[in-house]
Every structure is written in structure tokens, then in C-alpha cells.
Amino acid sequence: MQTLKNQLKQNLALIFFGTLLSANTPVMAKTDFEAQEKYLRARVNSSQQNTDHSAHANPIDKSLDFHGVFYGYFPCNDCNGVKTTLSLKQNNNYLLVTQPARESSREFYEKGKYSWNDENRTVVLTPRNESPIKQYRIEDEGTLIQLNSGGGKMVGDEERYTLRRSDTVKSREVHIH
């Protein structure tokens, strides 16, 4: 008898919840239909207007076009070179990873903010920690050339201080993070 009562309670609960769900379905369908209607009206309105969207084609902040990962191999006084990866991210954040070419050398990470100076054609890296500010001259969309602390050219061959964006370089050694 007790088992029969429990089974009856379970069946009643299922019927109750089933009724609630089926009663809610037309409301959800109506809401969905209203959303589709609203979307179609907005679409018709936008296609009827002759809005000039040319301002959207060229963003005001040119640094938004300059995101990417840049690779290079810089000279080093006490090693064979420094493998360098610079990632310019959204919201003007950057990640700079360097690894001296020595036996079992580790990678060094530096994070911070970068700013874009269109007039001087430079990118300035401002680290979060006490590291010095770094500057790079923008040669073109795919090439950055490191500058000294005063903003001038590095001593020596300029090509040795060059970072190239990943989509412009066919073969490269990549830092694995």
C-alpha cells in the first residue's frame, strides 16, 4: 500500500510539472516570434536608410590595426643572441618573451601596456614592473625596429634589431607558451 502511495505521488508530480512546462511553451514561442518580428522591422529600416558607413571602414585608433605577434633574434654581448617574441594584444596590452641562446636558458616574460605614436611612427612599451621602457620604430605593418633608450637607432646593423610580424615570416622559431 505504501509503495502504491509513493508511486501515485511521483505520477502526480510528473503530471503537475508536465502541465507547467506545456503551459509555458506558447509564451516562449510568442516571445521568440516577437523577437523575430522586431529584428525584421529593424532590418527593413536599416536597408531603407542611405547611411554612410565609410567612417567605420577606417578606425580612428590606428593601433587597433596593429595587433599581432612579432618575432626576431637580437644580438647579445655574452651569448649567441636573444630570441624575442613580442605580442601586441587588444586593449593596448603586450607580452614580450625573450630567451638568450645559452645552454638551458630560460624564457623571460614582460607584460605591460603599449602606446602608438602615429606622428613619430613608434610603438612604446611600458612594462608593469621596473624594467625600462622600450621603443620600436614602425617600418611598415609587418616590421618593427628596436630603438635605444633615447629613441635613436641602435648601434650596428639595423637588420639585427628587427622584429617581423608572424604573418609576414615564412619560417621562424616560435616560443611555446
N, C-alpha and C. Protein backbone atom coordinates (compact mmCIF):
# COMPACT_ATOMS: atom_id res chain seq x y z
N MET A 1 0.83 -1.18 0.00
CA MET A 1 0.00 0.00 0.00
C MET A 1 0.88 1.26 0.00
N GLN A 2 1.93 1.25 0.84
CA GLN A 2 2.85 2.40 0.93
C GLN A 2 3.54 2.63 -0.42
N THR A 3 3.92 1.58 -1.12
CA THR A 3 4.58 1.70 -2.41
C THR A 3 3.62 2.31 -3.43
N LEU A 4 2.37 1.95 -3.35
CA LEU A 4 1.37 2.48 -4.26
C LEU A 4 1.17 3.99 -4.05
N LYS A 5 1.20 4.43 -2.77
CA LYS A 5 1.05 5.85 -2.45
C LYS A 5 2.26 6.64 -3.00
N ASN A 6 3.45 6.11 -2.82
CA ASN A 6 4.67 6.77 -3.32
C ASN A 6 4.65 6.88 -4.84
N GLN A 7 4.22 5.82 -5.49
CA GLN A 7 4.16 5.82 -6.95
C GLN A 7 3.11 6.83 -7.42
N LEU A 8 1.97 6.91 -6.72
CA LEU A 8 0.93 7.87 -7.07
C LEU A 8 1.44 9.31 -6.90
N LYS A 9 2.20 9.57 -5.82
CA LYS A 9 2.76 10.90 -5.59
C LYS A 9 3.73 11.28 -6.71
N GLN A 10 4.55 10.33 -7.12
CA GLN A 10 5.51 10.60 -8.20
C GLN A 10 4.79 10.89 -9.51
N ASN A 11 3.75 10.12 -9.80
CA ASN A 11 3.00 10.34 -11.04
C ASN A 11 2.31 11.70 -11.02
N LEU A 12 1.74 12.08 -9.86
CA LEU A 12 1.10 13.38 -9.76
C LEU A 12 2.11 14.52 -9.92
N ALA A 13 3.29 14.35 -9.36
CA ALA A 13 4.33 15.37 -9.50
C ALA A 13 4.75 15.51 -10.97
N LEU A 14 4.91 14.39 -11.67
CA LEU A 14 5.26 14.44 -13.09
C LEU A 14 4.17 15.11 -13.91
N ILE A 15 2.92 14.80 -13.62
CA ILE A 15 1.81 15.41 -14.34
C ILE A 15 1.78 16.92 -14.08
N PHE A 16 2.00 17.31 -12.83
CA PHE A 16 1.99 18.73 -12.47
C PHE A 16 3.08 19.50 -13.22
N PHE A 17 4.33 18.97 -13.19
CA PHE A 17 5.43 19.65 -13.87
C PHE A 17 5.26 19.62 -15.39
N GLY A 18 4.73 18.54 -15.91
CA GLY A 18 4.45 18.46 -17.34
C GLY A 18 3.45 19.51 -17.77
N THR A 19 2.41 19.71 -16.95
CA THR A 19 1.40 20.73 -17.24
C THR A 19 2.02 22.12 -17.21
N LEU A 20 2.88 22.37 -16.22
CA LEU A 20 3.55 23.68 -16.14
C LEU A 20 4.40 23.94 -17.38
N LEU A 21 5.15 22.95 -17.80
CA LEU A 21 6.02 23.13 -18.96
C LEU A 21 5.22 23.35 -20.23
N SER A 22 4.15 22.59 -20.41
CA SER A 22 3.35 22.75 -21.63
C SER A 22 2.61 24.08 -21.62
N ALA A 23 2.25 24.59 -20.46
CA ALA A 23 1.58 25.89 -20.39
C ALA A 23 2.55 27.01 -20.72
N ASN A 24 3.83 26.85 -20.47
CA ASN A 24 4.85 27.87 -20.71
C ASN A 24 5.29 27.93 -22.17
N THR A 25 5.15 26.88 -22.92
CA THR A 25 5.63 26.80 -24.29
C THR A 25 5.05 27.88 -25.19
N PRO A 26 3.72 28.14 -25.20
CA PRO A 26 3.20 29.19 -26.08
C PRO A 26 3.78 30.56 -25.75
N VAL A 27 4.05 30.83 -24.47
CA VAL A 27 4.62 32.11 -24.10
C VAL A 27 6.01 32.26 -24.70
N MET A 28 6.80 31.20 -24.63
CA MET A 28 8.15 31.23 -25.18
C MET A 28 8.09 31.38 -26.70
N ALA A 29 7.14 30.69 -27.33
CA ALA A 29 7.01 30.78 -28.78
C ALA A 29 6.59 32.19 -29.18
N LYS A 30 5.69 32.78 -28.40
CA LYS A 30 5.24 34.13 -28.70
C LYS A 30 6.40 35.12 -28.55
N THR A 31 7.20 34.98 -27.51
CA THR A 31 8.35 35.85 -27.29
C THR A 31 9.34 35.72 -28.43
N ASP A 32 9.61 34.50 -28.87
CA ASP A 32 10.52 34.26 -29.97
C ASP A 32 9.99 34.89 -31.25
N PHE A 33 8.70 34.74 -31.49
CA PHE A 33 8.08 35.33 -32.67
C PHE A 33 8.18 36.85 -32.63
N GLU A 34 7.96 37.46 -31.46
CA GLU A 34 8.07 38.90 -31.32
C GLU A 34 9.49 39.37 -31.59
N ALA A 35 10.48 38.63 -31.11
CA ALA A 35 11.88 38.99 -31.34
C ALA A 35 12.22 38.94 -32.82
N GLN A 36 11.70 37.92 -33.52
CA GLN A 36 11.95 37.82 -34.96
C GLN A 36 11.31 38.99 -35.70
N GLU A 37 10.09 39.34 -35.31
CA GLU A 37 9.41 40.47 -35.94
C GLU A 37 10.18 41.77 -35.72
N LYS A 38 10.66 41.97 -34.49
CA LYS A 38 11.42 43.17 -34.16
C LYS A 38 12.70 43.24 -35.01
N TYR A 39 13.38 42.10 -35.16
CA TYR A 39 14.60 42.02 -35.95
C TYR A 39 14.30 42.37 -37.42
N LEU A 40 13.22 41.80 -37.96
CA LEU A 40 12.88 42.07 -39.36
C LEU A 40 12.55 43.54 -39.58
N ARG A 41 11.81 44.16 -38.64
CA ARG A 41 11.49 45.58 -38.77
C ARG A 41 12.78 46.43 -38.75
N ALA A 42 13.70 46.09 -37.85
CA ALA A 42 14.96 46.83 -37.77
C ALA A 42 15.77 46.66 -39.05
N ARG A 43 15.74 45.47 -39.61
CA ARG A 43 16.48 45.19 -40.83
C ARG A 43 15.91 45.99 -42.01
N VAL A 44 14.59 46.04 -42.09
CA VAL A 44 13.95 46.81 -43.16
C VAL A 44 14.28 48.29 -43.01
N ASN A 45 14.20 48.80 -41.77
CA ASN A 45 14.51 50.21 -41.53
C ASN A 45 15.94 50.55 -41.91
N SER A 46 16.88 49.69 -41.56
CA SER A 46 18.28 49.98 -41.87
C SER A 46 18.55 49.91 -43.37
N SER A 47 17.87 49.03 -44.08
CA SER A 47 18.12 48.93 -45.53
C SER A 47 17.47 50.07 -46.29
N GLN A 48 16.44 50.69 -45.69
CA GLN A 48 15.77 51.81 -46.37
C GLN A 48 16.53 53.11 -46.21
N GLN A 49 17.38 53.21 -45.19
CA GLN A 49 18.14 54.43 -44.98
C GLN A 49 19.42 54.39 -45.78
N ASN A 50 19.84 55.53 -46.29
CA ASN A 50 21.10 55.63 -47.01
C ASN A 50 22.17 56.13 -46.04
N THR A 51 22.56 55.28 -45.12
CA THR A 51 23.52 55.66 -44.11
C THR A 51 24.93 55.52 -44.65
N ASP A 52 25.77 56.50 -44.36
CA ASP A 52 27.16 56.47 -44.79
C ASP A 52 27.98 55.72 -43.73
N HIS A 53 28.50 54.58 -44.09
CA HIS A 53 29.28 53.77 -43.16
C HIS A 53 30.78 53.88 -43.42
N SER A 54 31.20 54.86 -44.17
CA SER A 54 32.62 54.98 -44.50
C SER A 54 33.47 55.27 -43.27
N ALA A 55 32.89 55.86 -42.23
CA ALA A 55 33.65 56.15 -41.01
C ALA A 55 34.05 54.86 -40.31
N HIS A 56 33.28 53.80 -40.50
CA HIS A 56 33.60 52.52 -39.86
C HIS A 56 34.73 51.80 -40.57
N ALA A 57 34.96 52.11 -41.83
CA ALA A 57 35.98 51.41 -42.61
C ALA A 57 37.39 51.71 -42.08
N ASN A 58 37.64 52.94 -41.67
CA ASN A 58 38.95 53.33 -41.14
C ASN A 58 38.80 53.68 -39.67
N PRO A 59 39.18 52.78 -38.76
CA PRO A 59 39.03 53.09 -37.35
C PRO A 59 39.87 54.30 -36.96
N ILE A 60 39.38 55.04 -35.99
CA ILE A 60 40.08 56.23 -35.52
C ILE A 60 41.40 55.86 -34.86
N ASP A 61 41.38 54.80 -34.05
CA ASP A 61 42.58 54.36 -33.35
C ASP A 61 43.35 53.39 -34.23
N LYS A 62 44.43 53.87 -34.84
CA LYS A 62 45.19 53.04 -35.77
C LYS A 62 45.86 51.86 -35.09
N SER A 63 46.08 51.93 -33.79
CA SER A 63 46.72 50.82 -33.09
C SER A 63 45.86 49.58 -33.13
N LEU A 64 44.56 49.73 -33.38
CA LEU A 64 43.70 48.56 -33.49
C LEU A 64 44.07 47.72 -34.70
N ASP A 65 44.64 48.35 -35.73
CA ASP A 65 45.07 47.62 -36.91
C ASP A 65 46.42 46.95 -36.71
N PHE A 66 47.11 47.25 -35.64
CA PHE A 66 48.49 46.84 -35.49
C PHE A 66 48.69 45.70 -34.51
N HIS A 67 47.65 44.95 -34.20
CA HIS A 67 47.81 43.79 -33.31
C HIS A 67 48.59 42.71 -34.04
N GLY A 68 49.22 41.85 -33.27
CA GLY A 68 49.90 40.72 -33.88
C GLY A 68 51.07 40.25 -33.04
N VAL A 69 51.72 39.21 -33.55
CA VAL A 69 52.88 38.63 -32.89
C VAL A 69 54.08 38.86 -33.79
N PHE A 70 55.15 39.41 -33.21
CA PHE A 70 56.36 39.76 -33.95
C PHE A 70 57.52 38.92 -33.42
N TYR A 71 58.37 38.45 -34.34
CA TYR A 71 59.49 37.58 -33.98
C TYR A 71 60.80 38.19 -34.44
N GLY A 72 61.87 37.90 -33.69
CA GLY A 72 63.20 38.34 -34.09
C GLY A 72 64.26 37.65 -33.27
N TYR A 73 65.50 37.89 -33.65
CA TYR A 73 66.66 37.31 -32.98
C TYR A 73 67.66 38.43 -32.80
N PHE A 74 67.71 39.03 -31.60
CA PHE A 74 68.54 40.19 -31.34
C PHE A 74 69.95 39.79 -30.93
N PRO A 75 70.95 40.67 -31.20
CA PRO A 75 72.33 40.40 -30.78
C PRO A 75 72.45 40.45 -29.26
N CYS A 76 73.51 39.78 -28.76
CA CYS A 76 73.74 39.70 -27.32
C CYS A 76 75.24 39.73 -27.07
N ASN A 77 75.68 40.45 -26.02
CA ASN A 77 77.12 40.56 -25.72
C ASN A 77 77.70 39.27 -25.16
N ASP A 78 76.95 38.58 -24.29
CA ASP A 78 77.51 37.40 -23.63
C ASP A 78 76.83 36.09 -24.05
N CYS A 79 76.16 36.09 -25.20
CA CYS A 79 75.56 34.86 -25.72
C CYS A 79 75.49 34.96 -27.24
N ASN A 80 74.94 33.94 -27.87
CA ASN A 80 74.87 33.92 -29.33
C ASN A 80 73.72 34.74 -29.89
N GLY A 81 72.84 35.23 -29.05
CA GLY A 81 71.69 36.01 -29.50
C GLY A 81 70.53 35.84 -28.53
N VAL A 82 69.52 36.65 -28.72
CA VAL A 82 68.33 36.60 -27.87
C VAL A 82 67.11 36.42 -28.76
N LYS A 83 66.46 35.27 -28.62
CA LYS A 83 65.23 35.02 -29.35
C LYS A 83 64.14 35.88 -28.71
N THR A 84 63.42 36.68 -29.51
CA THR A 84 62.47 37.66 -29.00
C THR A 84 61.12 37.48 -29.67
N THR A 85 60.07 37.45 -28.85
CA THR A 85 58.69 37.40 -29.35
C THR A 85 57.92 38.52 -28.67
N LEU A 86 57.31 39.38 -29.47
CA LEU A 86 56.50 40.49 -28.96
C LEU A 86 55.08 40.30 -29.46
N SER A 87 54.16 40.21 -28.52
CA SER A 87 52.75 40.06 -28.85
C SER A 87 52.01 41.33 -28.46
N LEU A 88 51.51 42.06 -29.47
CA LEU A 88 50.72 43.26 -29.24
C LEU A 88 49.26 42.85 -29.26
N LYS A 89 48.61 42.97 -28.10
CA LYS A 89 47.25 42.46 -27.94
C LYS A 89 46.25 43.61 -27.91
N GLN A 90 44.98 43.23 -27.77
CA GLN A 90 43.93 44.24 -27.68
C GLN A 90 44.05 45.00 -26.37
N ASN A 91 43.34 46.09 -26.29
CA ASN A 91 43.36 46.97 -25.12
C ASN A 91 44.76 47.48 -24.81
N ASN A 92 45.61 47.53 -25.84
CA ASN A 92 46.98 48.04 -25.73
C ASN A 92 47.82 47.30 -24.69
N ASN A 93 47.57 46.01 -24.52
CA ASN A 93 48.41 45.16 -23.68
C ASN A 93 49.46 44.47 -24.55
N TYR A 94 50.61 44.19 -23.96
CA TYR A 94 51.63 43.45 -24.71
C TYR A 94 52.26 42.39 -23.81
N LEU A 95 52.88 41.42 -24.47
CA LEU A 95 53.67 40.39 -23.80
C LEU A 95 54.97 40.27 -24.58
N LEU A 96 56.09 40.47 -23.90
CA LEU A 96 57.41 40.35 -24.52
C LEU A 96 58.10 39.15 -23.89
N VAL A 97 58.50 38.20 -24.73
CA VAL A 97 59.18 36.99 -24.26
C VAL A 97 60.58 36.98 -24.89
N THR A 98 61.60 36.88 -24.03
CA THR A 98 62.97 36.81 -24.53
C THR A 98 63.64 35.57 -23.97
N GLN A 99 64.55 35.01 -24.77
CA GLN A 99 65.29 33.82 -24.35
C GLN A 99 66.70 33.89 -24.92
N PRO A 100 67.70 34.12 -24.04
CA PRO A 100 69.09 34.12 -24.52
C PRO A 100 69.49 32.75 -25.05
N ALA A 101 70.31 32.75 -26.09
CA ALA A 101 70.76 31.49 -26.70
C ALA A 101 71.95 30.95 -25.90
N ARG A 102 71.64 30.27 -24.82
CA ARG A 102 72.63 29.60 -23.97
C ARG A 102 72.10 28.21 -23.66
N GLU A 103 73.00 27.37 -23.16
CA GLU A 103 72.54 26.05 -22.73
C GLU A 103 71.58 26.20 -21.57
N SER A 104 70.45 25.53 -21.67
CA SER A 104 69.39 25.51 -20.66
C SER A 104 69.04 26.90 -20.15
N SER A 105 68.89 27.85 -21.07
CA SER A 105 68.48 29.19 -20.63
C SER A 105 66.96 29.24 -20.60
N ARG A 106 66.46 30.00 -19.67
CA ARG A 106 65.01 30.08 -19.51
C ARG A 106 64.47 31.31 -20.23
N GLU A 107 63.16 31.34 -20.39
CA GLU A 107 62.49 32.47 -21.02
C GLU A 107 62.17 33.53 -19.97
N PHE A 108 62.23 34.78 -20.39
CA PHE A 108 61.88 35.89 -19.52
C PHE A 108 60.62 36.55 -20.09
N TYR A 109 59.66 36.81 -19.22
CA TYR A 109 58.39 37.39 -19.62
C TYR A 109 58.27 38.80 -19.09
N GLU A 110 57.73 39.68 -19.93
CA GLU A 110 57.47 41.05 -19.52
C GLU A 110 56.09 41.43 -20.06
N LYS A 111 55.24 41.92 -19.18
CA LYS A 111 53.90 42.36 -19.57
C LYS A 111 53.77 43.84 -19.29
N GLY A 112 52.87 44.47 -20.03
CA GLY A 112 52.62 45.88 -19.80
C GLY A 112 51.68 46.44 -20.84
N LYS A 113 51.72 47.75 -20.97
CA LYS A 113 50.88 48.48 -21.93
C LYS A 113 51.76 49.04 -23.04
N TYR A 114 51.19 49.14 -24.23
CA TYR A 114 51.93 49.81 -25.30
C TYR A 114 51.11 50.96 -25.83
N SER A 115 51.81 51.96 -26.35
CA SER A 115 51.13 53.10 -26.96
C SER A 115 51.69 53.28 -28.36
N TRP A 116 50.87 53.84 -29.18
CA TRP A 116 51.16 54.01 -30.60
C TRP A 116 51.31 55.50 -30.87
N ASN A 117 52.41 55.90 -31.46
CA ASN A 117 52.61 57.30 -31.81
C ASN A 117 52.70 57.38 -33.33
N ASP A 118 51.59 57.77 -33.94
CA ASP A 118 51.50 57.81 -35.40
C ASP A 118 52.41 58.89 -35.99
N GLU A 119 52.58 59.98 -35.26
CA GLU A 119 53.42 61.08 -35.75
C GLU A 119 54.89 60.66 -35.85
N ASN A 120 55.40 60.00 -34.80
CA ASN A 120 56.79 59.54 -34.80
C ASN A 120 56.96 58.14 -35.39
N ARG A 121 55.84 57.49 -35.68
CA ARG A 121 55.81 56.10 -36.19
C ARG A 121 56.57 55.17 -35.23
N THR A 122 56.18 55.24 -33.95
CA THR A 122 56.81 54.37 -32.95
C THR A 122 55.75 53.67 -32.10
N VAL A 123 56.17 52.55 -31.54
CA VAL A 123 55.40 51.84 -30.53
C VAL A 123 56.24 51.87 -29.27
N VAL A 124 55.65 52.33 -28.16
CA VAL A 124 56.37 52.44 -26.90
C VAL A 124 55.80 51.41 -25.93
N LEU A 125 56.68 50.54 -25.40
CA LEU A 125 56.27 49.52 -24.44
C LEU A 125 56.55 50.02 -23.03
N THR A 126 55.52 50.07 -22.20
CA THR A 126 55.66 50.49 -20.81
C THR A 126 55.36 49.28 -19.93
N PRO A 127 56.40 48.67 -19.33
CA PRO A 127 56.20 47.45 -18.54
C PRO A 127 55.52 47.72 -17.20
N ARG A 128 54.92 46.67 -16.65
CA ARG A 128 54.28 46.76 -15.34
C ARG A 128 55.32 46.83 -14.23
N ASN A 129 56.43 46.14 -14.42
CA ASN A 129 57.47 46.10 -13.37
C ASN A 129 58.46 47.24 -13.58
N GLU A 130 59.59 47.13 -12.98
CA GLU A 130 60.61 48.20 -13.01
C GLU A 130 61.50 48.16 -14.25
N SER A 131 61.20 47.35 -15.22
CA SER A 131 62.00 47.28 -16.44
C SER A 131 61.96 48.61 -17.18
N PRO A 132 63.00 48.89 -17.95
CA PRO A 132 63.00 50.16 -18.70
C PRO A 132 61.99 50.13 -19.85
N ILE A 133 61.54 51.31 -20.24
CA ILE A 133 60.62 51.46 -21.37
C ILE A 133 61.37 51.12 -22.65
N LYS A 134 60.71 50.43 -23.56
CA LYS A 134 61.32 50.06 -24.85
C LYS A 134 60.56 50.74 -25.97
N GLN A 135 61.29 51.11 -27.03
CA GLN A 135 60.67 51.76 -28.18
C GLN A 135 61.03 51.00 -29.46
N TYR A 136 60.08 50.96 -30.37
CA TYR A 136 60.28 50.34 -31.68
C TYR A 136 59.77 51.28 -32.75
N ARG A 137 60.57 51.44 -33.80
CA ARG A 137 60.13 52.24 -34.95
C ARG A 137 59.32 51.33 -35.86
N ILE A 138 58.21 51.87 -36.36
CA ILE A 138 57.35 51.11 -37.26
C ILE A 138 57.85 51.32 -38.67
N GLU A 139 58.44 50.29 -39.24
CA GLU A 139 58.94 50.36 -40.61
C GLU A 139 57.76 50.23 -41.59
N ASP A 140 56.93 49.24 -41.38
CA ASP A 140 55.70 49.03 -42.14
C ASP A 140 54.79 48.18 -41.25
N GLU A 141 53.66 47.72 -41.79
CA GLU A 141 52.70 46.97 -40.98
C GLU A 141 53.29 45.70 -40.38
N GLY A 142 54.30 45.14 -41.01
CA GLY A 142 54.84 43.88 -40.56
C GLY A 142 56.22 43.94 -39.95
N THR A 143 56.79 45.13 -39.75
CA THR A 143 58.17 45.23 -39.28
C THR A 143 58.32 46.29 -38.20
N LEU A 144 58.97 45.90 -37.10
CA LEU A 144 59.33 46.82 -36.03
C LEU A 144 60.84 46.78 -35.86
N ILE A 145 61.45 47.95 -35.64
CA ILE A 145 62.90 48.03 -35.43
C ILE A 145 63.14 48.63 -34.05
N GLN A 146 63.89 47.90 -33.22
CA GLN A 146 64.14 48.35 -31.85
C GLN A 146 64.99 49.62 -31.85
N LEU A 147 64.63 50.55 -30.97
CA LEU A 147 65.38 51.80 -30.81
C LEU A 147 66.09 51.77 -29.45
N ASN A 148 67.10 52.61 -29.28
CA ASN A 148 67.80 52.68 -28.00
C ASN A 148 66.95 53.45 -26.99
N SER A 149 67.45 53.60 -25.79
CA SER A 149 66.66 54.24 -24.72
C SER A 149 66.35 55.71 -25.02
N GLY A 150 67.15 56.35 -25.84
CA GLY A 150 66.90 57.73 -26.20
C GLY A 150 65.99 57.89 -27.41
N GLY A 151 65.57 56.78 -28.00
CA GLY A 151 64.69 56.83 -29.16
C GLY A 151 65.43 56.87 -30.48
N GLY A 152 66.75 56.67 -30.44
CA GLY A 152 67.55 56.68 -31.67
C GLY A 152 67.84 55.27 -32.15
N LYS A 153 68.51 55.17 -33.29
CA LYS A 153 68.87 53.87 -33.86
C LYS A 153 69.87 53.16 -32.96
N MET A 154 69.78 51.84 -32.93
CA MET A 154 70.74 51.02 -32.18
C MET A 154 72.07 51.05 -32.92
N VAL A 155 73.15 50.89 -32.19
CA VAL A 155 74.48 50.86 -32.79
C VAL A 155 74.64 49.54 -33.54
N GLY A 156 75.06 49.61 -34.78
CA GLY A 156 75.26 48.40 -35.57
C GLY A 156 74.23 48.28 -36.68
N ASP A 157 74.15 47.08 -37.22
CA ASP A 157 73.27 46.78 -38.33
C ASP A 157 71.81 46.81 -37.87
N GLU A 158 71.02 47.67 -38.50
CA GLU A 158 69.61 47.82 -38.14
C GLU A 158 68.84 46.51 -38.31
N GLU A 159 69.22 45.72 -39.28
CA GLU A 159 68.55 44.44 -39.56
C GLU A 159 68.63 43.49 -38.37
N ARG A 160 69.67 43.63 -37.57
CA ARG A 160 69.85 42.74 -36.41
C ARG A 160 68.90 43.08 -35.27
N TYR A 161 68.24 44.22 -35.33
CA TYR A 161 67.31 44.65 -34.27
C TYR A 161 65.87 44.70 -34.80
N THR A 162 65.54 43.82 -35.72
CA THR A 162 64.25 43.86 -36.40
C THR A 162 63.35 42.73 -35.93
N LEU A 163 62.08 43.07 -35.68
CA LEU A 163 61.03 42.09 -35.39
C LEU A 163 60.07 42.10 -36.58
N ARG A 164 59.69 40.91 -37.02
CA ARG A 164 58.75 40.80 -38.14
C ARG A 164 57.48 40.10 -37.67
N ARG A 165 56.33 40.60 -38.15
CA ARG A 165 55.05 40.03 -37.76
C ARG A 165 54.93 38.62 -38.31
N SER A 166 54.29 37.75 -37.53
CA SER A 166 54.22 36.33 -37.84
C SER A 166 53.65 36.03 -39.21
N ASP A 167 52.69 36.80 -39.69
CA ASP A 167 52.10 36.50 -40.99
C ASP A 167 52.97 36.96 -42.16
N THR A 168 54.09 37.64 -41.88
CA THR A 168 54.99 38.07 -42.95
C THR A 168 56.25 37.21 -43.02
N VAL A 169 56.44 36.32 -42.04
CA VAL A 169 57.64 35.48 -41.99
C VAL A 169 57.23 34.04 -42.29
N LYS A 170 57.93 33.41 -43.24
CA LYS A 170 57.56 32.05 -43.60
C LYS A 170 58.11 31.02 -42.63
N SER A 171 59.35 31.15 -42.24
CA SER A 171 59.93 30.20 -41.29
C SER A 171 60.47 30.96 -40.10
N ARG A 172 60.24 30.40 -38.92
CA ARG A 172 60.70 31.07 -37.71
C ARG A 172 60.72 30.07 -36.57
N GLU A 173 61.51 30.38 -35.57
CA GLU A 173 61.45 29.61 -34.34
C GLU A 173 60.44 30.30 -33.45
N VAL A 174 59.54 29.55 -32.90
CA VAL A 174 58.46 30.13 -32.13
C VAL A 174 58.64 29.77 -30.67
N HIS A 175 58.37 30.74 -29.79
CA HIS A 175 58.31 30.46 -28.37
C HIS A 175 57.04 29.69 -28.10
N ILE A 176 57.12 28.66 -27.33
CA ILE A 176 55.93 27.90 -26.97
C ILE A 176 55.55 28.30 -25.56
N HIS A 177 54.31 28.79 -25.40
CA HIS A 177 53.83 29.26 -24.09
C HIS A 177 52.77 28.33 -23.58
